[in-house]
Protein backbone atom coordinates (compact mmCIF):
# COMPACT_ATOMS: atom_id res chain seq x y z
CA MET A 1 -4.78 9.51 -64.84
CA PRO A 2 -5.53 6.49 -62.68
CA LYS A 3 -7.65 7.01 -59.60
CA PRO A 4 -5.73 6.43 -56.29
CA PRO A 5 -6.51 3.25 -54.60
CA LEU A 6 -9.37 2.94 -52.07
CA GLU A 7 -8.64 4.47 -48.50
CA LYS A 8 -9.06 0.82 -46.94
CA VAL A 9 -6.33 -0.33 -49.37
CA ILE A 10 -4.04 2.57 -48.54
CA GLN A 11 -4.64 2.05 -44.76
CA ARG A 12 -3.73 -1.68 -45.07
CA GLN A 13 -0.29 -0.32 -46.85
CA VAL A 14 0.41 2.08 -44.10
CA LYS A 15 -0.29 -0.24 -41.45
CA GLY A 16 2.33 -2.88 -43.27
CA VAL A 17 4.77 -0.08 -43.53
CA TYR A 18 4.58 0.66 -39.74
CA LYS A 19 4.51 -2.86 -38.78
CA ALA A 20 7.61 -3.46 -40.80
CA PHE A 21 9.54 -0.97 -38.46
CA GLY A 22 8.21 -2.51 -35.14
CA CYS A 23 5.25 -0.14 -34.56
CA ILE A 24 2.10 -1.10 -32.63
CA ILE A 25 -0.85 0.17 -34.24
CA TYR A 26 -4.38 1.10 -32.64
CA ASP A 27 -6.90 1.35 -35.30
CA PHE A 28 -9.75 3.36 -34.58
CA SER A 29 -11.23 3.50 -38.06
CA GLN A 30 -14.96 2.26 -38.46
CA PRO A 31 -16.46 1.01 -41.77
CA ARG A 32 -19.87 1.99 -40.31
CA ALA A 33 -21.46 4.58 -38.13
CA SER A 34 -20.05 4.51 -34.71
CA MET A 35 -20.32 5.94 -31.24
CA GLN A 36 -16.83 7.47 -31.38
CA THR A 37 -16.29 11.15 -31.01
CA PRO A 38 -16.32 12.53 -34.68
CA GLY A 39 -12.72 13.51 -35.90
CA ILE A 40 -10.85 10.59 -34.06
CA PRO A 41 -8.05 9.78 -36.43
CA ASP A 42 -7.96 6.22 -38.12
CA LEU A 43 -4.71 5.07 -36.27
CA LEU A 44 -2.53 5.46 -33.30
CA ILE A 45 1.13 4.53 -33.84
CA LEU A 46 3.44 3.64 -31.02
CA HIS A 47 7.01 3.22 -31.91
CA LEU A 48 8.63 1.52 -28.90
CA ASP A 49 12.30 1.88 -29.98
CA SER A 50 12.06 5.72 -29.94
CA ARG A 51 9.26 5.76 -27.03
CA THR A 52 7.14 7.89 -29.08
CA HIS A 53 3.66 7.93 -30.62
CA TRP A 54 1.45 9.72 -33.11
CA TYR A 55 -1.92 9.81 -34.63
CA MET A 56 -2.43 9.28 -38.45
CA GLU A 57 -5.55 10.13 -40.45
CA VAL A 58 -5.17 8.02 -43.67
CA LYS A 59 -6.24 9.48 -46.91
CA ARG A 60 -6.25 8.86 -50.47
CA GLY A 61 -5.17 11.44 -53.03
CA LYS A 62 -2.04 13.61 -52.65
CA GLY A 63 -0.75 16.34 -50.56
CA ALA A 64 -3.07 19.41 -50.92
CA ALA A 65 -5.95 17.16 -52.32
CA TYR A 66 -6.32 15.46 -48.80
CA LYS A 67 -9.59 16.56 -47.57
CA GLN A 68 -10.34 16.49 -43.76
CA SER A 69 -13.88 16.87 -42.21
CA GLN A 70 -14.26 19.85 -39.67
CA PRO A 71 -13.90 17.32 -36.80
CA GLN A 72 -10.72 16.05 -38.24
CA LEU A 73 -9.44 19.40 -38.60
CA ASP A 74 -10.49 20.42 -35.06
CA PHE A 75 -8.81 17.11 -33.65
CA ASP A 76 -5.76 18.13 -35.68
CA ARG A 77 -5.43 21.55 -34.34
CA ASP A 78 -6.00 20.39 -30.65
CA ILE A 79 -3.89 17.77 -30.61
CA THR A 80 -1.01 19.59 -32.07
CA TRP A 81 -1.86 22.58 -29.76
CA CYS A 82 -1.20 20.19 -26.91
CA GLY A 83 2.13 18.87 -28.27
CA GLY A 84 0.77 15.81 -29.80
CA ARG A 85 1.87 14.76 -33.25
CA TYR A 86 -0.85 14.36 -36.11
CA VAL A 87 -0.01 12.72 -39.55
CA LEU A 88 -2.30 13.18 -42.50
CA GLY A 89 -1.87 11.01 -45.70
CA GLY A 90 -0.76 7.86 -46.89
CA VAL A 91 2.37 5.51 -47.55
CA GLU A 92 4.64 8.34 -48.30
CA GLU A 93 3.63 10.31 -45.13
CA ALA A 94 3.93 6.97 -43.10
CA TYR A 95 7.66 6.87 -43.91
CA GLU A 96 8.23 10.56 -43.34
CA ALA A 97 6.80 10.11 -39.88
CA LEU A 98 9.07 7.34 -39.14
CA ARG A 99 12.11 9.38 -40.33
CA THR A 100 10.98 12.82 -38.54
CA ILE A 101 8.93 11.63 -35.41
CA ALA A 102 10.56 8.24 -34.51
CA GLY A 103 14.03 8.98 -35.91
CA VAL A 104 14.14 5.78 -37.94
CA LYS A 105 17.17 5.87 -40.69
CA ILE A 106 15.28 4.85 -43.83
CA ALA A 107 17.22 4.97 -47.17
CA ASP A 108 15.21 6.28 -50.29
CA ARG A 109 16.31 3.10 -51.89
CA ASP A 110 14.49 1.08 -49.13
CA ILE A 111 11.16 2.46 -50.03
CA PRO A 112 9.28 0.70 -52.55
C-alpha cells in the first residue's frame, strides 16, 4: 500500500480546494520551530459568502489514523467548547467542511 503524500503536499491541495470555492486562507503552519502557542491549527478558513469561518489542522493518513499532539487536542476541545469549528484531516475533510459548515452545494461528481 503506497504511503500518503507528505503533509505539506496535502496542505497545498487543501488550500487549492478552499481557494476554488472563494475562501480566504490564513496559514499559521511553520516549517520550523516558532514562537506560536503550541496547538495552533495550520489554517484559518474564512468563507465570505456564508460569513463563517473554521480552523483546520491538516494531517496525512485517513480518519482514525490522524494523530494530534496534546496541544492540538487541547485547542480542538477548547475552540469547540467555545462554539468554534475545528476540522481535522485532508482534502476529503475540506470538501466536507465546505458542505457542512459553509453550506456550499458540492456534487460528488465535482470532487476529483
